C-alpha cells in the first residue's frame, strides 16, 4: 500500500524523515511516561515537533498537531489510571499545542508570502534591468567604483560587467578627471544632458545622460543611465550637411541675380535704356531664377523618390 504525500510536502523527504523520527520518539516517551505514572514532564517535548511541523508545512503542520494531540489524549485516557483532573489537564495541553501550532503556521505562511513577493519583485527588476533600452551603471558615491552594469551599458561601452566592476568610472567610462567628478566633486546636476561615454576602442559615444542619487542604509550610490544618441547625431550631421548643400545651391544663383541687377541699375543711370540690352540682361536673370527653381524642384523630387540621403526630418519639412 502506497502512502500519498501531500503536494505541499513533496520535495521535502529529509524534513519528513526528521519529523517521523521525532514523532516516534515522542510516542515511545509518552507510553513509557504514562505507564510509569509520569504526567507532565514529557509533554514539554511535544513542542519541538509541533513547532517544526507548523513552520515547515504550514496548514498541514496544524493537521499534524491535531493528530498528535489526539494520540496524546488517547494515551492519557487509556494508559495508567487517569482521573478527571488528569483528563482536564490533558485537554488544556492540547489547546496549547494547537494554539502554538496555529501561531507558528501563520508566521510561516506570512514569511513564505513575503519571500515569494521578494522573489517576484527581484524577477521583475531583473527583467527591467536586462531588457531596458538604456545603459545603466551603478557607482559607489564614495569610492567612484563601478558596482554593476546592465547589458545595454555593456553593449555601448564594449566592456563586460566583470571588466567594469571594481574600476573607477574616471577615464574608464567617463572622460572627467579624477577628483573632478561633475556630481560628487563639482556638485553639478546631470539631468538629460548631452555627454560622451568612453568605449573599449577609445571612441566617445554621444549619450543623453542622467545621474540620480540612491541611499541604501548608510551607503550612497549614483545611478547613471544614458541613452545612445549615435544614430540621432549621425542623422543630425547628415541633416546639417544637406542643408549646407541646399543653401549653397540656392544662394549662388540668388547672389548672381542680385549682382547682375545692381550692375544693370548702375549702367542705366544717366543714359537712355537700350531695349535690346535690357532684354538680354533680363533673360540672364530669368536663367538664374530658373536655376533656383530647378534646385528647389530637385529637392522636392528627392523627397518624392524617398532618396536615402535625405534625412527624415528634412523630408517631412519639405513635404509641408
C-alpha atoms as a PDB file:
ATOM      1  CA  UNK A   1       0.000   0.000   0.000  1.00  0.00           C
ATOM      2  CA  UNK A   2       1.453   3.322  -1.081  1.00  0.00           C
ATOM      3  CA  UNK A   3       1.295   6.357   1.161  1.00  0.00           C
ATOM      4  CA  UNK A   4       0.446   9.520  -0.813  1.00  0.00           C
ATOM      5  CA  UNK A   5       2.439  12.518   0.351  1.00  0.00           C
ATOM      6  CA  UNK A   6       0.539  15.826   0.003  1.00  0.00           C
ATOM      7  CA  UNK A   7       1.735  18.058  -2.835  1.00  0.00           C
ATOM      8  CA  UNK A   8       2.858  20.785  -0.416  1.00  0.00           C
ATOM      9  CA  UNK A   9       5.093  18.242   1.288  1.00  0.00           C
ATOM     10  CA  UNK A  10       6.639  16.915  -1.908  1.00  0.00           C
ATOM     11  CA  UNK A  11      10.318  17.503  -2.392  1.00  0.00           C
ATOM     12  CA  UNK A  12      10.994  17.504   1.361  1.00  0.00           C
ATOM     13  CA  UNK A  13      11.931  13.901   2.203  1.00  0.00           C
ATOM     14  CA  UNK A  14      14.584  14.994   4.712  1.00  0.00           C
ATOM     15  CA  UNK A  15      12.049  17.113   6.624  1.00  0.00           C
ATOM     16  CA  UNK A  16       9.537  14.281   6.663  1.00  0.00           C
ATOM     17  CA  UNK A  17      12.205  11.880   7.907  1.00  0.00           C
ATOM     18  CA  UNK A  18      13.175  14.225  10.757  1.00  0.00           C
ATOM     19  CA  UNK A  19       9.540  14.707  11.714  1.00  0.00           C
ATOM     20  CA  UNK A  20       8.890  10.964  11.620  1.00  0.00           C
ATOM     21  CA  UNK A  21      11.838  10.274  13.924  1.00  0.00           C
ATOM     22  CA  UNK A  22      10.698  12.963  16.383  1.00  0.00           C
ATOM     23  CA  UNK A  23       7.136  11.626  16.311  1.00  0.00           C
ATOM     24  CA  UNK A  24       8.287   8.086  17.005  1.00  0.00           C
ATOM     25  CA  UNK A  25      10.476   9.297  19.868  1.00  0.00           C
ATOM     26  CA  UNK A  26       7.584  11.292  21.366  1.00  0.00           C
ATOM     27  CA  UNK A  27       5.225   8.317  21.053  1.00  0.00           C
ATOM     28  CA  UNK A  28       7.633   5.947  22.835  1.00  0.00           C
ATOM     29  CA  UNK A  29       8.375   8.557  25.525  1.00  0.00           C
ATOM     30  CA  UNK A  30       4.649   9.159  26.071  1.00  0.00           C
ATOM     31  CA  UNK A  31       3.845   5.482  26.535  1.00  0.00           C
ATOM     32  CA  UNK A  32       6.825   4.977  28.837  1.00  0.00           C
ATOM     33  CA  UNK A  33       5.963   8.049  30.966  1.00  0.00           C
ATOM     34  CA  UNK A  34       2.262   7.265  31.339  1.00  0.00           C
ATOM     35  CA  UNK A  35       2.916   3.630  32.221  1.00  0.00           C
ATOM     36  CA  UNK A  36       5.218   4.891  34.968  1.00  0.00           C
ATOM     37  CA  UNK A  37       2.571   7.436  36.094  1.00  0.00           C
ATOM     38  CA  UNK A  38       4.553  10.478  34.850  1.00  0.00           C
ATOM     39  CA  UNK A  39       2.017  13.053  33.639  1.00  0.00           C
ATOM     40  CA  UNK A  40       3.768  16.344  32.948  1.00  0.00           C
ATOM     41  CA  UNK A  41       7.490  16.455  32.214  1.00  0.00           C
ATOM     42  CA  UNK A  42       7.490  14.616  28.888  1.00  0.00           C
ATOM     43  CA  UNK A  43       4.752  16.827  27.412  1.00  0.00           C
ATOM     44  CA  UNK A  44       7.204  19.723  27.046  1.00  0.00           C
ATOM     45  CA  UNK A  45       8.964  17.763  24.327  1.00  0.00           C
ATOM     46  CA  UNK A  46       5.792  17.841  22.210  1.00  0.00           C
ATOM     47  CA  UNK A  47       6.512  21.485  21.361  1.00  0.00           C
ATOM     48  CA  UNK A  48       9.567  20.524  19.301  1.00  0.00           C
ATOM     49  CA  UNK A  49       7.795  18.513  16.534  1.00  0.00           C
ATOM     50  CA  UNK A  50       4.700  20.726  16.744  1.00  0.00           C
ATOM     51  CA  UNK A  51       6.618  23.957  16.043  1.00  0.00           C
ATOM     52  CA  UNK A  52       8.816  22.301  13.407  1.00  0.00           C
ATOM     53  CA  UNK A  53       5.833  20.795  11.576  1.00  0.00           C
ATOM     54  CA  UNK A  54       3.877  24.054  11.623  1.00  0.00           C
ATOM     55  CA  UNK A  55       6.856  26.090  10.396  1.00  0.00           C
ATOM     56  CA  UNK A  56       7.831  23.655   7.663  1.00  0.00           C
ATOM     57  CA  UNK A  57       4.393  22.633   6.402  1.00  0.00           C
ATOM     58  CA  UNK A  58       2.028  25.433   7.446  1.00  0.00           C
ATOM     59  CA  UNK A  59      -1.599  24.241   7.409  1.00  0.00           C
ATOM     60  CA  UNK A  60      -0.551  20.621   7.119  1.00  0.00           C
ATOM     61  CA  UNK A  61       1.562  21.160  10.216  1.00  0.00           C
ATOM     62  CA  UNK A  62      -1.601  22.156  12.112  1.00  0.00           C
ATOM     63  CA  UNK A  63      -3.276  18.937  10.951  1.00  0.00           C
ATOM     64  CA  UNK A  64      -0.230  17.025  12.190  1.00  0.00           C
ATOM     65  CA  UNK A  65      -0.558  18.748  15.578  1.00  0.00           C
ATOM     66  CA  UNK A  66      -4.232  17.757  15.819  1.00  0.00           C
ATOM     67  CA  UNK A  67      -3.371  14.133  15.069  1.00  0.00           C
ATOM     68  CA  UNK A  68      -0.500  14.162  17.549  1.00  0.00           C
ATOM     69  CA  UNK A  69      -2.780  15.730  20.178  1.00  0.00           C
ATOM     70  CA  UNK A  70      -5.394  13.017  19.537  1.00  0.00           C
ATOM     71  CA  UNK A  71      -2.717  10.379  20.132  1.00  0.00           C
ATOM     72  CA  UNK A  72      -1.669  12.109  23.350  1.00  0.00           C
ATOM     73  CA  UNK A  73      -5.261  12.320  24.618  1.00  0.00           C
ATOM     74  CA  UNK A  74      -5.900   8.678  23.729  1.00  0.00           C
ATOM     75  CA  UNK A  75      -2.725   7.617  25.544  1.00  0.00           C
ATOM     76  CA  UNK A  76      -3.669   9.607  28.648  1.00  0.00           C
ATOM     77  CA  UNK A  77      -7.187   8.133  28.610  1.00  0.00           C
ATOM     78  CA  UNK A  78      -6.136   4.513  28.224  1.00  0.00           C
ATOM     79  CA  UNK A  79      -2.795   4.149  29.965  1.00  0.00           C
ATOM     80  CA  UNK A  80      -2.426   4.188  33.696  1.00  0.00           C
ATOM     81  CA  UNK A  81      -5.269   5.290  35.950  1.00  0.00           C
ATOM     82  CA  UNK A  82      -6.288   8.768  34.743  1.00  0.00           C
ATOM     83  CA  UNK A  83      -8.662  10.806  36.895  1.00  0.00           C
ATOM     84  CA  UNK A  84     -10.781  13.776  35.964  1.00  0.00           C
ATOM     85  CA  UNK A  85      -8.032  16.251  36.818  1.00  0.00           C
ATOM     86  CA  UNK A  86      -5.552  14.440  34.561  1.00  0.00           C
ATOM     87  CA  UNK A  87      -8.062  14.421  31.687  1.00  0.00           C
ATOM     88  CA  UNK A  88      -8.762  18.154  32.060  1.00  0.00           C
ATOM     89  CA  UNK A  89      -5.029  18.887  32.242  1.00  0.00           C
ATOM     90  CA  UNK A  90      -4.512  16.868  29.051  1.00  0.00           C
ATOM     91  CA  UNK A  91      -7.275  18.830  27.281  1.00  0.00           C
ATOM     92  CA  UNK A  92      -5.669  22.092  28.404  1.00  0.00           C
ATOM     93  CA  UNK A  93      -2.309  20.984  26.996  1.00  0.00           C
ATOM     94  CA  UNK A  94      -3.984  20.031  23.702  1.00  0.00           C
ATOM     95  CA  UNK A  95      -5.458  23.531  23.423  1.00  0.00           C
ATOM     96  CA  UNK A  96      -1.985  24.976  23.987  1.00  0.00           C
ATOM     97  CA  UNK A  97      -0.479  22.580  21.411  1.00  0.00           C
ATOM     98  CA  UNK A  98      -2.986  23.610  18.739  1.00  0.00           C
ATOM     99  CA  UNK A  99      -2.678  27.318  19.629  1.00  0.00           C
ATOM    100  CA  UNK A 100       1.113  27.246  19.305  1.00  0.00           C
ATOM    101  CA  UNK A 101       0.808  25.287  16.047  1.00  0.00           C
ATOM    102  CA  UNK A 102      -1.611  27.849  14.587  1.00  0.00           C
ATOM    103  CA  UNK A 103       0.666  30.727  15.568  1.00  0.00           C
ATOM    104  CA  UNK A 104       3.729  29.047  14.042  1.00  0.00           C
ATOM    105  CA  UNK A 105       1.810  28.153  10.868  1.00  0.00           C
ATOM    106  CA  UNK A 106       0.537  31.716  10.401  1.00  0.00           C
ATOM    107  CA  UNK A 107       4.035  33.067  10.966  1.00  0.00           C
ATOM    108  CA  UNK A 108       5.457  30.551   8.469  1.00  0.00           C
ATOM    109  CA  UNK A 109       2.842  31.373   5.805  1.00  0.00           C
ATOM    110  CA  UNK A 110       3.449  35.101   6.259  1.00  0.00           C
ATOM    111  CA  UNK A 111       7.193  34.658   5.876  1.00  0.00           C
ATOM    112  CA  UNK A 112       6.760  32.464   2.801  1.00  0.00           C
ATOM    113  CA  UNK A 113       4.454  35.013   1.156  1.00  0.00           C
ATOM    114  CA  UNK A 114       6.909  37.814   1.855  1.00  0.00           C
ATOM    115  CA  UNK A 115       9.753  35.723   0.462  1.00  0.00           C
ATOM    116  CA  UNK A 116       7.703  34.923  -2.638  1.00  0.00           C
ATOM    117  CA  UNK A 117       6.945  38.636  -3.102  1.00  0.00           C
ATOM    118  CA  UNK A 118      10.626  39.461  -2.723  1.00  0.00           C
ATOM    119  CA  UNK A 119      11.499  36.842  -5.349  1.00  0.00           C
ATOM    120  CA  UNK A 120       8.801  38.169  -7.689  1.00  0.00           C
ATOM    121  CA  UNK A 121       9.992  41.744  -7.215  1.00  0.00           C
ATOM    122  CA  UNK A 122      13.555  40.640  -7.885  1.00  0.00           C
ATOM    123  CA  UNK A 123      12.474  38.889 -11.088  1.00  0.00           C
ATOM    124  CA  UNK A 124      10.604  41.988 -12.272  1.00  0.00           C
ATOM    125  CA  UNK A 125      13.609  44.174 -11.505  1.00  0.00           C
ATOM    126  CA  UNK A 126      15.927  41.739 -13.283  1.00  0.00           C
ATOM    127  CA  UNK A 127      13.636  41.771 -16.313  1.00  0.00           C
ATOM    128  CA  UNK A 128      13.714  45.573 -16.488  1.00  0.00           C
ATOM    129  CA  UNK A 129      17.465  45.686 -15.758  1.00  0.00           C
ATOM    130  CA  UNK A 130      18.288  43.278 -18.565  1.00  0.00           C
ATOM    131  CA  UNK A 131      15.838  44.496 -21.232  1.00  0.00           C
ATOM    132  CA  UNK A 132      15.561  48.272 -20.826  1.00  0.00           C
ATOM    133  CA  UNK A 133      16.883  50.102 -23.904  1.00  0.00           C
ATOM    134  CA  UNK A 134      19.095  52.399 -21.853  1.00  0.00           C
ATOM    135  CA  UNK A 135      22.504  51.851 -20.322  1.00  0.00           C
ATOM    136  CA  UNK A 136      22.513  51.778 -16.516  1.00  0.00           C
ATOM    137  CA  UNK A 137      25.631  51.757 -14.355  1.00  0.00           C
ATOM    138  CA  UNK A 138      25.610  51.685 -10.552  1.00  0.00           C
ATOM    139  CA  UNK A 139      28.524  53.585  -8.988  1.00  0.00           C
ATOM    140  CA  UNK A 140      29.627  53.805  -5.345  1.00  0.00           C
ATOM    141  CA  UNK A 141      29.303  57.501  -4.483  1.00  0.00           C
ATOM    142  CA  UNK A 142      32.184  57.381  -2.002  1.00  0.00           C
ATOM    143  CA  UNK A 143      34.824  55.482  -3.966  1.00  0.00           C
ATOM    144  CA  UNK A 144      33.501  56.148  -7.502  1.00  0.00           C
ATOM    145  CA  UNK A 145      33.949  52.473  -8.325  1.00  0.00           C
ATOM    146  CA  UNK A 146      31.546  50.681 -10.627  1.00  0.00           C
ATOM    147  CA  UNK A 147      29.354  48.132  -8.859  1.00  0.00           C
ATOM    148  CA  UNK A 148      27.090  46.868 -11.635  1.00  0.00           C
ATOM    149  CA  UNK A 149      26.237  47.466 -15.289  1.00  0.00           C
ATOM    150  CA  UNK A 150      23.242  46.254 -17.274  1.00  0.00           C
ATOM    151  CA  UNK A 151      23.526  44.542 -20.704  1.00  0.00           C
ATOM    152  CA  UNK A 152      22.800  47.749 -22.657  1.00  0.00           C
ATOM    153  CA  UNK A 153      25.648  49.538 -20.856  1.00  0.00           C
ATOM    154  CA  UNK A 154      27.916  46.621 -21.700  1.00  0.00           C
ATOM    155  CA  UNK A 155      26.914  46.844 -25.357  1.00  0.00           C
ATOM    156  CA  UNK A 156      27.507  50.587 -25.529  1.00  0.00           C
ATOM    157  CA  UNK A 157      30.904  50.523 -23.833  1.00  0.00           C
ATOM    158  CA  UNK A 158      32.166  47.229 -25.233  1.00  0.00           C
ATOM    159  CA  UNK A 159      33.170  46.099 -21.725  1.00  0.00           C
ATOM    160  CA  UNK A 160      31.612  43.192 -19.877  1.00  0.00           C
ATOM    161  CA  UNK A 161      30.165  43.752 -16.416  1.00  0.00           C
ATOM    162  CA  UNK A 162      33.048  41.765 -14.896  1.00  0.00           C
ATOM    163  CA  UNK A 163      35.555  44.044 -16.639  1.00  0.00           C
ATOM    164  CA  UNK A 164      33.844  47.190 -15.342  1.00  0.00           C
ATOM    165  CA  UNK A 165      33.088  46.077 -11.783  1.00  0.00           C
ATOM    166  CA  UNK A 166      35.577  47.440  -9.261  1.00  0.00           C
ATOM    167  CA  UNK A 167      37.110  50.007 -11.621  1.00  0.00           C
ATOM    168  CA  UNK A 168      36.934  53.775 -11.163  1.00  0.00           C
ATOM    169  CA  UNK A 169      34.488  55.391 -13.547  1.00  0.00           C
ATOM    170  CA  UNK A 170      37.051  58.181 -14.232  1.00  0.00           C
ATOM    171  CA  UNK A 171      38.865  57.644 -17.512  1.00  0.00           C
ATOM    172  CA  UNK A 172      37.129  54.281 -17.810  1.00  0.00           C
ATOM    173  CA  UNK A 173      33.669  55.202 -18.991  1.00  0.00           C
ATOM    174  CA  UNK A 174      33.677  58.903 -18.034  1.00  0.00           C
ATOM    175  CA  UNK A 175      36.131  61.435 -19.546  1.00  0.00           C
ATOM    176  CA  UNK A 176      36.209  63.551 -16.366  1.00  0.00           C
ATOM    177  CA  UNK A 177      39.480  63.745 -14.441  1.00  0.00           C
ATOM    178  CA  UNK A 178      39.773  62.032 -11.069  1.00  0.00           C
ATOM    179  CA  UNK A 179      38.790  64.478  -8.343  1.00  0.00           C
ATOM    180  CA  UNK A 180      36.632  66.462 -10.768  1.00  0.00           C
ATOM    181  CA  UNK A 181      33.526  64.322 -10.803  1.00  0.00           C
ATOM    182  CA  UNK A 182      30.667  66.552 -12.028  1.00  0.00           C
ATOM    183  CA  UNK A 183      28.332  65.083  -9.402  1.00  0.00           C
ATOM    184  CA  UNK A 184      30.403  64.223  -6.328  1.00  0.00           C
ATOM    185  CA  UNK A 185      33.206  66.816  -6.580  1.00  0.00           C
ATOM    186  CA  UNK A 186      31.732  69.743  -8.513  1.00  0.00           C
ATOM    187  CA  UNK A 187      28.165  69.432  -7.242  1.00  0.00           C
ATOM    188  CA  UNK A 188      26.633  69.663 -10.710  1.00  0.00           C
ATOM    189  CA  UNK A 189      23.313  68.176 -11.699  1.00  0.00           C
ATOM    190  CA  UNK A 190      23.194  65.893 -14.722  1.00  0.00           C
ATOM    191  CA  UNK A 191      19.622  65.549 -15.948  1.00  0.00           C
ATOM    192  CA  UNK A 192      19.090  64.521 -19.571  1.00  0.00           C
ATOM    193  CA  UNK A 193      22.316  66.278 -20.518  1.00  0.00           C
ATOM    194  CA  UNK A 194      24.322  65.527 -23.647  1.00  0.00           C
ATOM    195  CA  UNK A 195      27.555  63.828 -22.628  1.00  0.00           C
ATOM    196  CA  UNK A 196      30.015  61.293 -24.036  1.00  0.00           C
ATOM    197  CA  UNK A 197      30.646  57.732 -22.912  1.00  0.00           C
ATOM    198  CA  UNK A 198      34.081  56.178 -23.256  1.00  0.00           C
ATOM    199  CA  UNK A 199      34.146  52.833 -25.081  1.00  0.00           C
ATOM    200  CA  UNK A 200      36.640  49.992 -25.244  1.00  0.00           C
ATOM    201  CA  UNK A 201      38.160  51.154 -28.555  1.00  0.00           C
ATOM    202  CA  UNK A 202      38.723  54.662 -27.197  1.00  0.00           C
ATOM    203  CA  UNK A 203      35.891  56.261 -29.146  1.00  0.00           C
ATOM    204  CA  UNK A 204      33.431  58.591 -27.495  1.00  0.00           C
ATOM    205  CA  UNK A 205      29.792  57.587 -27.746  1.00  0.00           C
ATOM    206  CA  UNK A 206      27.352  60.543 -27.644  1.00  0.00           C
ATOM    207  CA  UNK A 207      24.707  59.884 -24.985  1.00  0.00           C
ATOM    208  CA  UNK A 208      21.829  61.589 -23.228  1.00  0.00           C
ATOM    209  CA  UNK A 209      22.815  61.129 -19.592  1.00  0.00           C
ATOM    210  CA  UNK A 210      21.021  61.380 -16.258  1.00  0.00           C
ATOM    211  CA  UNK A 211      22.578  60.750 -12.849  1.00  0.00           C
ATOM    212  CA  UNK A 212      20.485  60.279  -9.703  1.00  0.00           C
ATOM    213  CA  UNK A 213      21.483  59.532  -6.129  1.00  0.00           C
ATOM    214  CA  UNK A 214      20.227  56.477  -4.246  1.00  0.00           C
ATOM    215  CA  UNK A 215      20.544  55.895  -0.497  1.00  0.00           C
ATOM    216  CA  UNK A 216      20.587  52.298   0.773  1.00  0.00           C
ATOM    217  CA  UNK A 217      21.030  52.282   4.537  1.00  0.00           C
ATOM    218  CA  UNK A 218      24.133  54.351   5.175  1.00  0.00           C
ATOM    219  CA  UNK A 219      25.559  53.797   1.722  1.00  0.00           C
ATOM    220  CA  UNK A 220      25.041  56.239  -1.144  1.00  0.00           C
ATOM    221  CA  UNK A 221      25.158  55.291  -4.807  1.00  0.00           C
ATOM    222  CA  UNK A 222      24.942  57.032  -8.162  1.00  0.00           C
ATOM    223  CA  UNK A 223      22.614  55.570 -10.764  1.00  0.00           C
ATOM    224  CA  UNK A 224      23.973  56.625 -14.140  1.00  0.00           C
ATOM    225  CA  UNK A 225      21.625  55.982 -17.027  1.00  0.00           C
ATOM    226  CA  UNK A 226      22.259  57.008 -20.590  1.00  0.00           C
ATOM    227  CA  UNK A 227      20.640  56.666 -23.997  1.00  0.00           C
ATOM    228  CA  UNK A 228      22.753  56.120 -27.102  1.00  0.00           C
ATOM    229  CA  UNK A 229      22.492  59.168 -29.376  1.00  0.00           C
ATOM    230  CA  UNK A 230      24.828  57.900 -32.118  1.00  0.00           C
ATOM    231  CA  UNK A 231      22.103  57.454 -34.724  1.00  0.00           C
ATOM    232  CA  UNK A 232      20.479  60.738 -33.746  1.00  0.00           C
ATOM    233  CA  UNK A 233      23.793  62.578 -34.046  1.00  0.00           C
ATOM    234  CA  UNK A 234      24.511  60.934 -37.406  1.00  0.00           C
ATOM    235  CA  UNK A 235      21.096  61.987 -38.673  1.00  0.00           C
ATOM    236  CA  UNK A 236      21.651  65.478 -37.302  1.00  0.00           C
ATOM    237  CA  UNK A 237      25.028  65.783 -39.059  1.00  0.00           C
ATOM    238  CA  UNK A 238      23.524  64.466 -42.288  1.00  0.00           C
ATOM    239  CA  UNK A 239      20.720  66.980 -41.997  1.00  0.00           C
ATOM    240  CA  UNK A 240      23.138  69.855 -41.436  1.00  0.00           C
ATOM    241  CA  UNK A 241      25.287  68.782 -44.374  1.00  0.00           C
ATOM    242  CA  UNK A 242      22.264  68.551 -46.623  1.00  0.00           C
ATOM    243  CA  UNK A 243      21.067  71.962 -45.526  1.00  0.00           C
ATOM    244  CA  UNK A 244      24.510  73.422 -46.275  1.00  0.00           C
ATOM    245  CA  UNK A 245      24.488  71.899 -49.744  1.00  0.00           C
ATOM    246  CA  UNK A 246      20.931  73.063 -50.401  1.00  0.00           C
ATOM    247  CA  UNK A 247      21.744  76.549 -49.158  1.00  0.00           C
ATOM    248  CA  UNK A 248      24.742  76.819 -51.482  1.00  0.00           C
ATOM    249  CA  UNK A 249      22.753  75.558 -54.456  1.00  0.00           C
ATOM    250  CA  UNK A 250      20.139  78.252 -53.905  1.00  0.00           C
ATOM    251  CA  UNK A 251      22.305  81.071 -52.579  1.00  0.00           C
ATOM    252  CA  UNK A 252      24.747  81.230 -55.503  1.00  0.00           C
ATOM    253  CA  UNK A 253      22.098  81.918 -58.200  1.00  0.00           C
ATOM    254  CA  UNK A 254      20.383  84.466 -55.934  1.00  0.00           C
ATOM    255  CA  UNK A 255      23.665  86.295 -55.418  1.00  0.00           C
ATOM    256  CA  UNK A 256      24.226  86.335 -59.184  1.00  0.00           C
ATOM    257  CA  UNK A 257      20.770  87.779 -59.720  1.00  0.00           C
ATOM    258  CA  UNK A 258      21.416  90.431 -57.086  1.00  0.00           C
ATOM    259  CA  UNK A 259      24.818  91.401 -58.516  1.00  0.00           C
ATOM    260  CA  UNK A 260      23.575  91.471 -62.100  1.00  0.00           C
ATOM    261  CA  UNK A 261      20.599  93.616 -61.225  1.00  0.00           C
ATOM    262  CA  UNK A 262      22.893  96.009 -59.392  1.00  0.00           C
ATOM    263  CA  UNK A 263      25.187  96.241 -62.445  1.00  0.00           C
ATOM    264  CA  UNK A 264      22.205  96.789 -64.696  1.00  0.00           C
ATOM    265  CA  UNK A 265      20.976  99.552 -62.414  1.00  0.00           C
ATOM    266  CA  UNK A 266      24.384 101.261 -62.420  1.00  0.00           C
ATOM    267  CA  UNK A 267      24.695 101.084 -66.221  1.00  0.00           C
ATOM    268  CA  UNK A 268      21.257 102.598 -66.771  1.00  0.00           C
ATOM    269  CA  UNK A 269      21.975 105.666 -64.659  1.00  0.00           C
ATOM    270  CA  UNK A 270      22.213 108.830 -66.754  1.00  0.00           C
ATOM    271  CA  UNK A 271      21.595 107.139 -70.105  1.00  0.00           C
ATOM    272  CA  UNK A 272      18.700 106.102 -72.214  1.00  0.00           C
ATOM    273  CA  UNK A 273      17.616 102.494 -71.848  1.00  0.00           C
ATOM    274  CA  UNK A 274      18.511 100.209 -74.766  1.00  0.00           C
ATOM    275  CA  UNK A 275      15.661  97.753 -75.248  1.00  0.00           C
ATOM    276  CA  UNK A 276      17.918  95.051 -76.700  1.00  0.00           C
ATOM    277  CA  UNK A 277      20.368  95.413 -73.827  1.00  0.00           C
ATOM    278  CA  UNK A 278      17.568  95.279 -71.248  1.00  0.00           C
ATOM    279  CA  UNK A 279      16.074  92.181 -72.872  1.00  0.00           C
ATOM    280  CA  UNK A 280      19.420  90.375 -72.808  1.00  0.00           C
ATOM    281  CA  UNK A 281      20.083  91.282 -69.167  1.00  0.00           C
ATOM    282  CA  UNK A 282      16.636  90.215 -68.058  1.00  0.00           C
ATOM    283  CA  UNK A 283      16.987  86.935 -69.939  1.00  0.00           C
ATOM    284  CA  UNK A 284      20.150  86.230 -67.985  1.00  0.00           C
ATOM    285  CA  UNK A 285      18.341  86.904 -64.704  1.00  0.00           C
ATOM    286  CA  UNK A 286      15.485  84.704 -65.852  1.00  0.00           C
ATOM    287  CA  UNK A 287      18.000  81.919 -66.408  1.00  0.00           C
ATOM    288  CA  UNK A 288      19.354  82.401 -62.886  1.00  0.00           C
ATOM    289  CA  UNK A 289      15.863  82.270 -61.423  1.00  0.00           C
ATOM    290  CA  UNK A 290      15.214  79.074 -63.388  1.00  0.00           C
ATOM    291  CA  UNK A 291      18.307  77.587 -61.728  1.00  0.00           C
ATOM    292  CA  UNK A 292      16.874  78.429 -58.306  1.00  0.00           C
ATOM    293  CA  UNK A 293      13.542  76.815 -59.204  1.00  0.00           C
ATOM    294  CA  UNK A 294      15.311  73.742 -60.596  1.00  0.00           C
ATOM    295  CA  UNK A 295      17.266  73.350 -57.369  1.00  0.00           C
ATOM    296  CA  UNK A 296      14.072  73.532 -55.313  1.00  0.00           C
ATOM    297  CA  UNK A 297      12.381  71.105 -57.703  1.00  0.00           C
ATOM    298  CA  UNK A 298      15.333  68.740 -57.279  1.00  0.00           C
ATOM    299  CA  UNK A 299      14.837  68.736 -53.523  1.00  0.00           C
ATOM    300  CA  UNK A 300      11.126  68.061 -53.902  1.00  0.00           C
ATOM    301  CA  UNK A 301      11.833  65.224 -56.359  1.00  0.00           C
ATOM    302  CA  UNK A 302      14.345  63.698 -53.935  1.00  0.00           C
ATOM    303  CA  UNK A 303      11.672  63.680 -51.255  1.00  0.00           C
ATOM    304  CA  UNK A 304       9.132  62.137 -53.625  1.00  0.00           C
ATOM    305  CA  UNK A 305      11.587  59.382 -54.575  1.00  0.00           C
ATOM    306  CA  UNK A 306      12.433  58.788 -50.878  1.00  0.00           C
ATOM    307  CA  UNK A 307      16.126  59.000 -51.514  1.00  0.00           C
ATOM    308  CA  UNK A 308      18.060  57.596 -48.562  1.00  0.00           C
ATOM    309  CA  UNK A 309      20.452  60.529 -48.307  1.00  0.00           C
ATOM    310  CA  UNK A 310      17.546  62.809 -47.380  1.00  0.00           C
ATOM    311  CA  UNK A 311      17.121  62.805 -43.585  1.00  0.00           C
ATOM    312  CA  UNK A 312      13.601  62.039 -42.409  1.00  0.00           C
ATOM    313  CA  UNK A 313      13.334  65.368 -40.613  1.00  0.00           C
ATOM    314  CA  UNK A 314      14.167  67.297 -43.803  1.00  0.00           C
ATOM    315  CA  UNK A 315      11.844  65.105 -45.863  1.00  0.00           C
ATOM    316  CA  UNK A 316       8.924  65.898 -43.554  1.00  0.00           C
ATOM    317  CA  UNK A 317       9.779  69.606 -43.654  1.00  0.00           C
ATOM    318  CA  UNK A 318       9.843  69.689 -47.475  1.00  0.00           C
ATOM    319  CA  UNK A 319       6.511  67.918 -47.666  1.00  0.00           C
ATOM    320  CA  UNK A 320       4.747  70.820 -45.956  1.00  0.00           C
END
